[in-house]
Amino acid sequence: SNKTNAILQIESLFLSMVEIYGTYKEMLLLNTTGHVVAHTNLAGYAFAHSYGKDLSLKVYYTYPWAQRTTEGYTFLSDIEWDDMAAKDYVAVTTAAVIHDAGGTFLGIIVFYIDDAYINGLMHNTVGLGASGETYLTDFNGYWLTTSKFAWYVDENKYDTLEETIMTERLLTEGIQQALTDEKDVKKSSNADYRGIAVMGSYHYVMINSEGLPWILVAEIDVSEALKVVNDLTTISIWIVVIIAIVVAILGYIIAKKFTDPIIRLNSIAIRVADGDLTITGNGKVKKGSDEIAVLTRSFGTMTNNIREIISSSQQASINVANIATELSASSSEVNAAAEEISSTTQEVSQNTQSQVNSLVDINKMA
């Protein structure tokens, strides 16, 4: 019949969603009176519902039924015992009302969310280190998801971690304060359920449709949290040390670049001042256009100029000495000539005097 075919198509769709998404363990279609008309579940699921099962007293029926005229209404249950009296298993469900094209209420679709999926979300603690964990508690502080650690089993308190859900109550200071104050709480240190000092964030969550709060807990051991800080401090110190060494090396290189030419110039200047003009700067010519390079080249030019001036002066002195020698030789020749002239003059004078005396004697005889 058409009804049977429709149910088969719905269940085929349900099965595809269960297998593809991996989020749900059972899907139900309830009619307007809350009876199961179609269902699909994971293979091996022990609590699957049967056709015709009356679920009209379940919260996932009563809440949506109250909103049956509201198109698009969705419901999210608290994480709780599926049967509060029997306490058979803990479930969290989501539901939505369905209507036909004319807006007539046709029934309710119900999804049982796989608790393994929720636990997987809570156990994904990337960024919280080895000791970090996240989990949910209900409005009384009872476990809603399993612990990441096997402490309860190791301490022989429970055979499995699943037994702690809705059974073991957490009295952690941060959890109790968040429930009392009805707001988020952060603790730099408080003892967790194992008695270990943890740093925690306790988020007061109101997301389910029943108006019952959850506490989303994120904790990390204080010892590990502080180790991260200490490691960062150590890394920071090493970074500062490395930077200091690099700066010192660069400073030395830069200083050598500027001081070496000055030291070399100073050494050359001292030797020049002592009269040593043979220095040439060891053949090193400072390249560049900075002040040190210009000064070095200017100093070299000055030294060369002084050397040339002194060389010219020395040559001039040699020339003057040669001329003086020649003049001295000429002077000696002049003196010799003068002496000869003087001697000749004296002889002439003597001869003249003799002649005069002879004339006088002749005159007397006359």
Protein backbone atom coordinates (compact mmCIF):
# COMPACT_ATOMS: atom_id res chain seq x y z
CA SER A 1 0.00 0.00 0.00
CA ASN A 2 0.97 3.64 -0.24
CA LYS A 3 1.36 3.86 3.55
CA THR A 4 3.75 0.92 3.61
CA ASN A 5 5.79 2.32 0.75
CA ALA A 6 5.94 5.70 2.46
CA ILE A 7 7.17 4.10 5.70
CA LEU A 8 9.82 2.14 3.80
CA GLN A 9 11.02 5.30 2.08
CA ILE A 10 11.19 7.15 5.41
CA GLU A 11 13.11 4.31 7.06
CA SER A 12 15.50 4.15 4.11
CA LEU A 13 16.16 7.86 4.53
CA PHE A 14 16.64 7.37 8.29
CA LEU A 15 19.13 4.57 7.68
CA SER A 16 21.16 6.72 5.28
CA MET A 17 21.32 9.51 7.86
CA VAL A 18 22.37 7.12 10.63
CA GLU A 19 25.14 5.63 8.52
CA ILE A 20 26.38 8.85 6.93
CA TYR A 21 26.33 11.26 9.85
CA GLY A 22 27.40 8.87 12.61
CA THR A 23 25.66 11.13 15.11
CA TYR A 24 22.47 9.21 15.83
CA LYS A 25 21.78 5.72 17.16
CA GLU A 26 18.01 5.68 16.50
CA MET A 27 15.46 7.67 14.50
CA LEU A 28 11.70 7.55 15.07
CA LEU A 29 8.62 8.90 13.39
CA LEU A 30 5.72 9.38 15.81
CA ASN A 31 2.16 9.98 14.70
CA THR A 32 -0.01 12.68 16.22
CA THR A 33 -0.81 10.48 19.23
CA GLY A 34 2.83 9.63 19.99
CA HIS A 35 2.98 6.08 18.59
CA VAL A 36 5.93 4.79 16.55
CA VAL A 37 5.05 4.42 12.86
CA ALA A 38 8.59 4.25 11.43
CA HIS A 39 12.01 3.66 12.96
CA THR A 40 15.65 2.86 12.16
CA ASN A 41 18.54 2.17 14.53
CA LEU A 42 22.21 1.26 14.59
CA ALA A 43 22.93 -2.44 14.27
CA GLY A 44 23.15 -4.04 17.68
CA TYR A 45 21.43 -1.18 19.50
CA ALA A 46 19.79 -2.91 22.48
CA PHE A 47 17.13 -0.31 23.28
CA ALA A 48 15.48 0.10 19.88
CA HIS A 49 11.76 0.88 19.89
CA SER A 50 9.18 -1.23 18.09
CA TYR A 51 6.31 -0.30 15.80
CA GLY A 52 3.25 0.97 17.63
CA LYS A 53 5.18 1.76 20.84
CA ASP A 54 3.37 4.47 22.81
CA LEU A 55 5.84 7.28 23.56
CA SER A 56 3.31 9.98 24.28
CA LEU A 57 4.68 10.50 27.81
CA LYS A 58 8.23 11.15 26.65
CA VAL A 59 9.47 14.74 26.81
CA TYR A 60 10.46 14.57 23.15
CA TYR A 61 6.75 14.13 22.40
CA THR A 62 5.09 16.35 25.03
CA TYR A 63 7.19 19.46 24.34
CA PRO A 64 6.84 19.36 20.52
CA TRP A 65 3.16 18.45 20.80
CA ALA A 66 2.61 21.62 22.85
CA GLN A 67 4.21 23.53 19.95
CA ARG A 68 2.55 21.44 17.21
CA THR A 69 1.16 24.50 15.44
CA THR A 70 4.55 26.18 15.31
CA GLU A 71 6.24 25.31 12.05
CA GLY A 72 10.00 24.82 12.36
CA TYR A 73 9.90 24.13 16.11
CA THR A 74 12.75 21.89 17.34
CA PHE A 75 13.34 20.34 20.73
CA LEU A 76 16.56 19.33 22.55
CA SER A 77 16.19 17.23 25.66
CA ASP A 78 18.25 17.20 28.80
CA ILE A 79 20.74 14.33 29.08
CA GLU A 80 18.74 12.04 31.35
CA TRP A 81 17.45 8.55 31.98
CA ASP A 82 15.22 7.48 29.12
CA ASP A 83 12.95 5.87 31.73
CA MET A 84 13.30 7.73 35.01
CA ALA A 85 11.70 4.89 36.96
CA ALA A 86 13.66 2.03 35.43
CA LYS A 87 16.86 4.08 34.93
CA ASP A 88 17.66 1.80 32.03
CA TYR A 89 19.95 4.04 29.96
CA VAL A 90 20.88 7.69 29.59
CA ALA A 91 19.70 9.43 26.45
CA VAL A 92 19.72 12.82 24.80
CA THR A 93 17.19 13.43 22.04
CA THR A 94 16.24 16.07 19.56
CA ALA A 95 12.80 16.31 17.92
CA ALA A 96 10.88 18.42 15.44
CA VAL A 97 7.25 18.80 14.43
CA ILE A 98 6.27 18.00 10.83
CA HIS A 99 3.42 19.44 8.79
CA ASP A 100 1.96 18.86 5.37
CA ALA A 101 1.94 21.48 2.64
CA GLY A 102 -1.21 22.98 4.11
CA GLY A 103 0.32 23.35 7.58
CA THR A 104 -1.57 20.45 9.16
CA PHE A 105 0.28 18.75 12.04
CA LEU A 106 1.28 15.23 10.94
CA GLY A 107 3.56 13.99 13.67
CA ILE A 108 6.97 14.29 15.32
CA ILE A 109 10.36 13.09 14.16
CA VAL A 110 12.73 12.03 16.95
CA PHE A 111 16.51 11.49 16.84
CA TYR A 112 18.38 9.70 19.63
CA ILE A 113 21.86 11.23 19.66
CA ASP A 114 24.65 8.69 20.08
CA ASP A 115 26.29 9.20 23.49
CA ALA A 116 29.58 7.94 22.02
CA TYR A 117 29.48 10.91 19.64
CA ILE A 118 29.00 13.34 22.55
CA ASN A 119 31.76 11.67 24.56
CA GLY A 120 34.03 11.93 21.53
CA LEU A 121 33.40 15.66 21.35
CA MET A 122 34.23 16.04 25.04
CA HIS A 123 37.37 13.94 24.80
CA ASN A 124 38.78 16.00 21.93
CA THR A 125 41.04 18.13 24.11
CA VAL A 126 43.53 19.45 21.57
CA GLY A 127 45.29 22.43 23.13
CA LEU A 128 44.72 21.35 26.74
CA GLY A 129 47.84 19.23 27.02
CA ALA A 130 48.10 15.70 28.38
CA SER A 131 46.20 16.42 31.61
CA GLY A 132 43.43 18.56 30.13
CA GLU A 133 39.86 17.28 29.81
CA THR A 134 36.36 18.56 29.12
CA TYR A 135 33.06 17.08 30.24
CA LEU A 136 29.43 17.89 31.02
CA THR A 137 27.52 17.75 34.30
CA ASP A 138 23.81 18.17 34.90
CA PHE A 139 22.09 20.74 37.11
CA ASN A 140 22.90 18.67 40.20
CA GLY A 141 26.55 18.08 39.32
CA TYR A 142 26.19 14.49 38.06
CA TRP A 143 28.29 13.23 35.18
CA LEU A 144 26.57 13.53 31.78
CA THR A 145 29.59 12.40 29.77
CA THR A 146 32.38 10.01 30.66
CA SER A 147 35.74 11.06 32.04
CA LYS A 148 38.75 11.11 29.75
CA PHE A 149 40.71 9.24 32.40
CA ALA A 150 40.14 5.76 33.84
CA TRP A 151 40.56 6.98 37.42
CA TYR A 152 37.19 5.62 38.66
CA VAL A 153 37.97 2.19 37.24
CA ASP A 154 41.59 2.24 38.45
CA GLU A 155 40.38 3.10 41.95
CA ASN A 156 37.85 0.23 41.78
CA LYS A 157 34.93 2.59 42.26
CA TYR A 158 33.17 1.42 39.07
CA ASP A 159 33.62 -1.39 36.61
CA THR A 160 33.19 0.93 33.62
CA LEU A 161 33.21 4.68 33.12
CA GLU A 162 29.69 4.53 31.66
CA GLU A 163 28.42 3.57 35.13
CA THR A 164 29.41 7.00 36.47
CA ILE A 165 26.88 8.81 34.26
CA MET A 166 23.92 10.11 36.27
CA THR A 167 25.34 8.17 39.24
CA GLU A 168 28.55 9.86 40.41
CA ARG A 169 28.14 13.42 41.64
CA LEU A 170 30.94 15.95 41.30
CA LEU A 171 31.60 18.29 44.22
CA THR A 172 34.36 20.30 42.57
CA GLU A 173 34.32 23.86 43.91
CA GLY A 174 34.15 25.43 40.46
CA ILE A 175 31.17 23.27 39.40
CA GLN A 176 29.19 23.93 42.58
CA GLN A 177 29.89 27.68 42.42
CA ALA A 178 28.73 27.87 38.79
CA LEU A 179 25.49 26.06 39.70
CA THR A 180 24.91 28.28 42.75
CA ASP A 181 25.74 31.58 41.05
CA GLU A 182 24.13 30.50 37.75
CA LYS A 183 27.00 31.99 35.78
CA ASP A 184 30.39 31.13 34.35
CA VAL A 185 33.21 30.60 36.84
CA LYS A 186 36.98 30.44 36.40
CA LYS A 187 39.31 28.91 38.97
CA SER A 188 43.08 29.29 38.97
CA SER A 189 43.29 26.27 41.26
CA ASN A 190 40.84 23.87 42.88
CA ALA A 191 40.77 20.12 43.48
CA ASP A 192 39.01 18.02 40.85
CA TYR A 193 37.22 14.68 41.36
CA ARG A 194 40.61 12.94 41.66
CA GLY A 195 41.86 15.37 44.29
CA ILE A 196 44.36 16.89 41.86
CA ALA A 197 44.83 20.68 41.74
CA VAL A 198 43.45 21.88 38.42
CA MET A 199 42.97 25.18 36.67
CA GLY A 200 39.42 25.22 35.33
CA SER A 201 36.71 27.04 33.42
CA TYR A 202 33.10 26.18 34.35
CA HIS A 203 30.60 27.39 31.79
CA TYR A 204 26.94 27.67 32.81
CA VAL A 205 25.04 26.44 29.73
CA MET A 206 21.31 26.84 29.04
CA ILE A 207 20.72 25.17 25.67
CA ASN A 208 18.22 22.37 26.20
CA SER A 209 14.50 22.94 25.80
CA GLU A 210 13.65 21.73 29.31
CA GLY A 211 15.29 24.76 30.90
CA LEU A 212 17.77 22.64 32.85
CA PRO A 213 21.35 23.94 32.97
CA TRP A 214 24.48 22.01 32.13
CA ILE A 215 27.98 22.83 33.28
CA LEU A 216 30.59 22.55 30.56
CA VAL A 217 33.88 21.91 32.34
CA ALA A 218 37.38 22.43 30.93
CA GLU A 219 40.27 21.64 33.28
CA ILE A 220 44.03 21.18 33.15
CA ASP A 221 46.41 20.18 35.93
CA VAL A 222 48.00 23.23 37.54
CA SER A 223 51.42 21.59 37.31
CA GLU A 224 51.14 21.23 33.53
CA ALA A 225 49.62 24.69 33.06
CA LEU A 226 52.49 26.30 34.99
CA LYS A 227 55.01 24.16 33.12
CA VAL A 228 53.87 25.81 29.92
CA VAL A 229 54.41 29.23 31.50
CA ASN A 230 57.83 28.18 32.79
CA ASP A 231 58.77 26.82 29.37
CA LEU A 232 57.71 30.09 27.77
CA THR A 233 59.77 32.00 30.34
CA THR A 234 62.80 29.84 29.58
CA ILE A 235 62.30 30.30 25.83
CA SER A 236 61.95 34.06 26.33
CA ILE A 237 65.19 34.18 28.31
CA TRP A 238 67.04 32.25 25.60
CA ILE A 239 65.62 34.56 22.94
CA VAL A 240 66.87 37.60 24.89
CA VAL A 241 70.32 35.99 25.31
CA ILE A 242 70.56 35.14 21.60
CA ILE A 243 69.45 38.65 20.64
CA ALA A 244 72.06 40.11 23.00
CA ILE A 245 74.80 37.96 21.43
CA VAL A 246 73.73 38.91 17.90
CA VAL A 247 73.63 42.61 18.86
CA ALA A 248 77.09 42.32 20.45
CA ILE A 249 78.53 40.70 17.30
CA LEU A 250 76.92 43.28 15.04
CA GLY A 251 78.12 46.03 17.36
CA TYR A 252 81.67 44.67 17.22
CA ILE A 253 81.59 44.42 13.43
CA ILE A 254 80.18 47.93 13.07
CA ALA A 255 82.67 49.31 15.61
CA LYS A 256 85.56 47.65 13.80
CA LYS A 257 84.34 49.08 10.55
CA PHE A 258 84.55 52.63 11.91
CA THR A 259 87.34 52.40 14.48
CA ASP A 260 89.93 50.46 12.46
CA PRO A 261 90.37 53.23 9.85
CA ILE A 262 90.61 55.84 12.63
CA ILE A 263 93.20 53.76 14.52
CA ARG A 264 95.14 53.26 11.31
CA LEU A 265 94.97 57.01 10.54
CA ASN A 266 96.13 57.82 14.06
CA SER A 267 99.11 55.47 13.70
CA ILE A 268 100.02 57.01 10.34
CA ALA A 269 99.62 60.53 11.76
CA ILE A 270 102.03 59.74 14.62
CA ARG A 271 104.65 58.40 12.19
CA VAL A 272 104.17 61.42 9.92
CA ALA A 273 104.56 63.72 12.93
CA ASP A 274 107.84 61.93 13.73
CA GLY A 275 109.00 62.66 10.22
CA ASP A 276 108.32 59.32 8.59
CA LEU A 277 106.74 60.17 5.28
CA THR A 278 107.40 56.78 3.73
CA ILE A 279 104.11 55.41 5.11
CA THR A 280 101.50 54.70 2.43
CA GLY A 281 98.68 53.06 4.42
CA ASN A 282 99.82 49.56 3.51
CA GLY A 283 98.24 49.97 0.12
CA LYS A 284 94.74 50.06 1.61
CA VAL A 285 92.42 52.62 0.09
CA LYS A 286 89.14 53.17 1.93
CA LYS A 287 86.26 52.97 -0.51
CA GLY A 288 82.88 54.54 -0.06
CA SER A 289 81.39 58.00 0.40
CA ASP A 290 81.03 58.11 4.18
CA GLU A 291 83.03 60.53 6.35
CA ILE A 292 85.60 57.91 7.39
CA ALA A 293 86.34 56.92 3.80
CA VAL A 294 86.66 60.56 2.68
CA LEU A 295 88.89 61.37 5.65
CA THR A 296 91.14 58.37 4.95
CA ARG A 297 91.55 59.28 1.30
CA SER A 298 92.18 62.97 2.16
CA PHE A 299 94.78 62.01 4.73
CA GLY A 300 96.55 59.82 2.18
CA THR A 301 96.49 62.66 -0.36
CA MET A 302 97.87 65.08 2.25
CA THR A 303 100.71 62.68 3.09
CA ASN A 304 101.60 62.29 -0.57
CA ASN A 305 101.54 66.09 -1.04
CA ILE A 306 103.81 66.62 1.97
CA ARG A 307 106.13 63.93 0.67
CA GLU A 308 106.27 65.66 -2.74
CA ILE A 309 106.85 69.09 -1.16
CA ILE A 310 109.69 67.80 0.98
CA SER A 311 111.14 65.95 -1.98
CA SER A 312 111.02 69.19 -4.00
CA SER A 313 112.59 71.10 -1.11
CA GLN A 314 115.39 68.56 -0.85
CA GLN A 315 116.09 68.88 -4.58
CA ALA A 316 116.11 72.69 -4.29
CA SER A 317 118.55 72.49 -1.39
CA ILE A 318 120.85 70.31 -3.45
CA ASN A 319 120.69 72.84 -6.30
CA VAL A 320 121.44 75.73 -3.93
CA ALA A 321 124.41 73.83 -2.48
CA ASN A 322 125.80 73.20 -5.96
CA ILE A 323 125.43 76.88 -6.87
CA ALA A 324 127.10 77.91 -3.60
CA THR A 325 130.03 75.60 -4.37
CA GLU A 326 130.41 77.13 -7.81
CA LEU A 327 130.23 80.66 -6.36
CA SER A 328 132.87 79.75 -3.79
CA ALA A 329 135.17 78.50 -6.53
CA SER A 330 134.65 81.72 -8.56
CA SER A 331 135.36 83.82 -5.48
CA SER A 332 138.69 82.05 -4.98
CA GLU A 333 139.67 82.78 -8.56
CA VAL A 334 138.71 86.46 -8.15
CA ASN A 335 140.80 86.72 -4.97
CA ALA A 336 143.80 85.20 -6.73
CA ALA A 337 143.43 87.67 -9.60
CA ALA A 338 143.10 90.55 -7.18
CA GLU A 339 146.27 89.51 -5.38
CA GLU A 340 148.11 89.27 -8.70
CA ILE A 341 146.85 92.73 -9.72
CA SER A 342 147.90 94.09 -6.33
CA SER A 343 151.36 92.62 -6.70
CA THR A 344 151.67 94.00 -10.22
CA THR A 345 150.49 97.43 -9.08
CA GLN A 346 153.05 97.43 -6.29
CA GLU A 347 155.82 96.60 -8.74
CA VAL A 348 154.66 99.35 -11.08
CA SER A 349 154.55 101.74 -8.16
CA GLN A 350 158.06 100.80 -7.12
CA ASN A 351 159.35 101.20 -10.67
CA THR A 352 157.63 104.54 -10.99
CA GLN A 353 159.16 105.69 -7.72
CA SER A 354 162.58 104.63 -8.90
CA GLN A 355 162.17 106.60 -12.11
CA VAL A 356 161.00 109.64 -10.16
CA ASN A 357 164.01 109.37 -7.89
CA SER A 358 166.29 109.10 -10.95
CA LEU A 359 164.75 112.21 -12.46
CA VAL A 360 165.28 114.07 -9.22
CA ASP A 361 168.91 113.02 -9.12
CA ILE A 362 169.41 114.10 -12.76
CA ASN A 363 167.80 117.41 -12.03
CA LYS A 364 170.16 117.98 -9.08
CA MET A 365 173.12 117.27 -11.23
CA ALA A 366 172.06 119.80 -13.73
